[in-house]
Amino acid sequence: MWEAIKLGKKLGAEKFDMWGSLGPNYDQSNDWAGFTRFKEGYATKFTEFVGSYDLVINPILYKAYNAVYSLREIYLKFK
């Protein structure tokens, strides 16, 4: 992330979308709170955009991916 910020400054960028932060008045115990605080340290302005969506090209592989992802989430909760 830091290298992208430096490159943007070098190229004269005035804005940098650091996608994925929590909204205003977020819960400090949220897993993303640290990342959001990091971004707030750059005097950011919160702007909300439309969420991201998956473009499903292969429904069978997509279902398999989601099943594995769900199992991963369960595993990580008990780790």
C-alpha atoms as a PDB file:
ATOM      1  CA  MET A   1       0.000   0.000   0.000  1.00  0.00           C
ATOM      2  CA  TRP A   2       2.786   2.392   0.924  1.00  0.00           C
ATOM      3  CA  GLU A   3       4.541   1.865  -2.419  1.00  0.00           C
ATOM      4  CA  ALA A   4       1.271   2.627  -4.248  1.00  0.00           C
ATOM      5  CA  ILE A   5       0.906   5.842  -2.251  1.00  0.00           C
ATOM      6  CA  LYS A   6       4.469   6.883  -3.090  1.00  0.00           C
ATOM      7  CA  LEU A   7       3.950   6.133  -6.789  1.00  0.00           C
ATOM      8  CA  GLY A   8       0.725   8.127  -6.808  1.00  0.00           C
ATOM      9  CA  LYS A   9       2.466  11.121  -5.240  1.00  0.00           C
ATOM     10  CA  LYS A  10       5.289  10.834  -7.769  1.00  0.00           C
ATOM     11  CA  LEU A  11       2.773  10.812 -10.635  1.00  0.00           C
ATOM     12  CA  GLY A  12       0.887  13.803  -9.203  1.00  0.00           C
ATOM     13  CA  ALA A  13      -2.238  11.954  -8.089  1.00  0.00           C
ATOM     14  CA  GLU A  14      -4.506  13.951  -5.837  1.00  0.00           C
ATOM     15  CA  LYS A  15      -6.804  11.115  -4.769  1.00  0.00           C
ATOM     16  CA  PHE A  16      -6.237   7.498  -3.842  1.00  0.00           C
ATOM     17  CA  ASP A  17      -9.069   5.037  -3.282  1.00  0.00           C
ATOM     18  CA  MET A  18      -8.036   2.880  -0.332  1.00  0.00           C
ATOM     19  CA  TRP A  19     -11.065   0.611  -0.721  1.00  0.00           C
ATOM     20  CA  GLY A  20     -12.359  -1.427   2.162  1.00  0.00           C
ATOM     21  CA  SER A  21     -12.674   0.837   5.153  1.00  0.00           C
ATOM     22  CA  LEU A  22     -15.474   0.831   7.667  1.00  0.00           C
ATOM     23  CA  GLY A  23     -18.049   3.602   7.639  1.00  0.00           C
ATOM     24  CA  PRO A  24     -18.269   6.506  10.066  1.00  0.00           C
ATOM     25  CA  ASN A  25     -18.825   5.656  13.754  1.00  0.00           C
ATOM     26  CA  TYR A  26     -17.485   2.134  13.295  1.00  0.00           C
ATOM     27  CA  ASP A  27     -17.138  -0.434  16.070  1.00  0.00           C
ATOM     28  CA  GLN A  28     -13.554  -0.331  17.403  1.00  0.00           C
ATOM     29  CA  SER A  29     -13.634  -4.093  17.983  1.00  0.00           C
ATOM     30  CA  ASN A  30     -14.328  -4.821  14.293  1.00  0.00           C
ATOM     31  CA  ASP A  31     -11.572  -6.764  12.522  1.00  0.00           C
ATOM     32  CA  TRP A  32     -11.201  -3.909  10.008  1.00  0.00           C
ATOM     33  CA  ALA A  33     -10.902  -1.160  12.656  1.00  0.00           C
ATOM     34  CA  GLY A  34      -7.099  -1.066  12.561  1.00  0.00           C
ATOM     35  CA  PHE A  35      -7.051  -0.797   8.781  1.00  0.00           C
ATOM     36  CA  THR A  36      -9.648   1.979   8.914  1.00  0.00           C
ATOM     37  CA  ARG A  37      -7.613   3.878  11.551  1.00  0.00           C
ATOM     38  CA  PHE A  38      -4.525   3.516   9.329  1.00  0.00           C
ATOM     39  CA  LYS A  39      -6.378   5.165   6.446  1.00  0.00           C
ATOM     40  CA  GLU A  40      -7.859   7.872   8.675  1.00  0.00           C
ATOM     41  CA  GLY A  41      -4.275   8.856   9.490  1.00  0.00           C
ATOM     42  CA  TYR A  42      -3.990  10.298   5.988  1.00  0.00           C
ATOM     43  CA  ALA A  43      -6.685  12.943   6.656  1.00  0.00           C
ATOM     44  CA  THR A  44      -9.108  10.989   4.510  1.00  0.00           C
ATOM     45  CA  LYS A  45     -12.634  11.886   3.501  1.00  0.00           C
ATOM     46  CA  PHE A  46     -15.075   8.983   3.729  1.00  0.00           C
ATOM     47  CA  THR A  47     -16.929   8.457   0.455  1.00  0.00           C
ATOM     48  CA  GLU A  48     -19.373   5.605   0.028  1.00  0.00           C
ATOM     49  CA  PHE A  49     -19.666   3.873  -3.345  1.00  0.00           C
ATOM     50  CA  VAL A  50     -21.802   1.035  -4.667  1.00  0.00           C
ATOM     51  CA  GLY A  51     -20.645  -2.302  -3.282  1.00  0.00           C
ATOM     52  CA  SER A  52     -18.671  -4.833  -5.271  1.00  0.00           C
ATOM     53  CA  TYR A  53     -20.321  -7.758  -7.023  1.00  0.00           C
ATOM     54  CA  ASP A  54     -19.135 -11.053  -8.451  1.00  0.00           C
ATOM     55  CA  LEU A  55     -19.468 -11.745 -12.160  1.00  0.00           C
ATOM     56  CA  VAL A  56     -20.189 -15.474 -12.258  1.00  0.00           C
ATOM     57  CA  ILE A  57     -18.779 -17.043 -15.414  1.00  0.00           C
ATOM     58  CA  ASN A  58     -18.756 -20.659 -14.267  1.00  0.00           C
ATOM     59  CA  PRO A  59     -21.607 -21.381 -11.807  1.00  0.00           C
ATOM     60  CA  ILE A  60     -20.244 -24.792 -10.775  1.00  0.00           C
ATOM     61  CA  LEU A  61     -16.787 -23.454  -9.896  1.00  0.00           C
ATOM     62  CA  TYR A  62     -18.383 -20.455  -8.206  1.00  0.00           C
ATOM     63  CA  LYS A  63     -20.460 -22.711  -5.941  1.00  0.00           C
ATOM     64  CA  ALA A  64     -17.361 -24.790  -5.133  1.00  0.00           C
ATOM     65  CA  TYR A  65     -15.399 -21.626  -4.336  1.00  0.00           C
ATOM     66  CA  ASN A  66     -18.150 -20.358  -2.024  1.00  0.00           C
ATOM     67  CA  ALA A  67     -18.330 -23.729  -0.249  1.00  0.00           C
ATOM     68  CA  VAL A  68     -14.570 -23.741   0.366  1.00  0.00           C
ATOM     69  CA  TYR A  69     -14.676 -20.099   1.465  1.00  0.00           C
ATOM     70  CA  SER A  70     -17.438 -20.882   3.971  1.00  0.00           C
ATOM     71  CA  LEU A  71     -15.437 -23.795   5.376  1.00  0.00           C
ATOM     72  CA  ARG A  72     -12.400 -21.517   5.666  1.00  0.00           C
ATOM     73  CA  GLU A  73     -14.435 -18.955   7.622  1.00  0.00           C
ATOM     74  CA  ILE A  74     -15.645 -21.663  10.020  1.00  0.00           C
ATOM     75  CA  TYR A  75     -12.101 -22.982  10.449  1.00  0.00           C
ATOM     76  CA  LEU A  76     -10.721 -19.516  11.192  1.00  0.00           C
ATOM     77  CA  LYS A  77     -13.364 -18.890  13.863  1.00  0.00           C
ATOM     78  CA  PHE A  78     -12.233 -21.962  15.786  1.00  0.00           C
ATOM     79  CA  LYS A  79      -8.507 -21.543  15.200  1.00  0.00           C
END
